[in-house]
């Protein structure tokens, strides 16, 4: 199993930007597909973005498409989420997840991943 630690969250005004990082440790020799999910108060955890283990393919939730960009640096065992044009509705705890994702034909679910970080809080003020 791989250990994940997120960072980069904080408070930002609407229209601003943040970059989240997720550092992996442990069995980093194994290639993992990496994803970001988020969970707002009183809501279920939802998919945000995913990137293939080699960076060759990525996918986004419709709600963030065109505003967020997922990337990874395998030499640093780190995945990033660049978030631009932030909205108050983006306020949530953001979680990094790792796993071998198989069904690229549908949006990922939480149950598709077995390694999770502790989360980082993002607050967007209006």
Foldseek 3Di string as FASTA:
>chain_A
DKAKAKDWADEEAAQAKIKMKIAIDDVLVDFWKKFKWWDDPPGDIGGAKIAGSVRPDMDGDPVQPPFWDWGDDSVRRMIMIIGGRDDQVVWTWMKMFIDHADCPPDGDDPVRGDYIYPTDTHGYHD
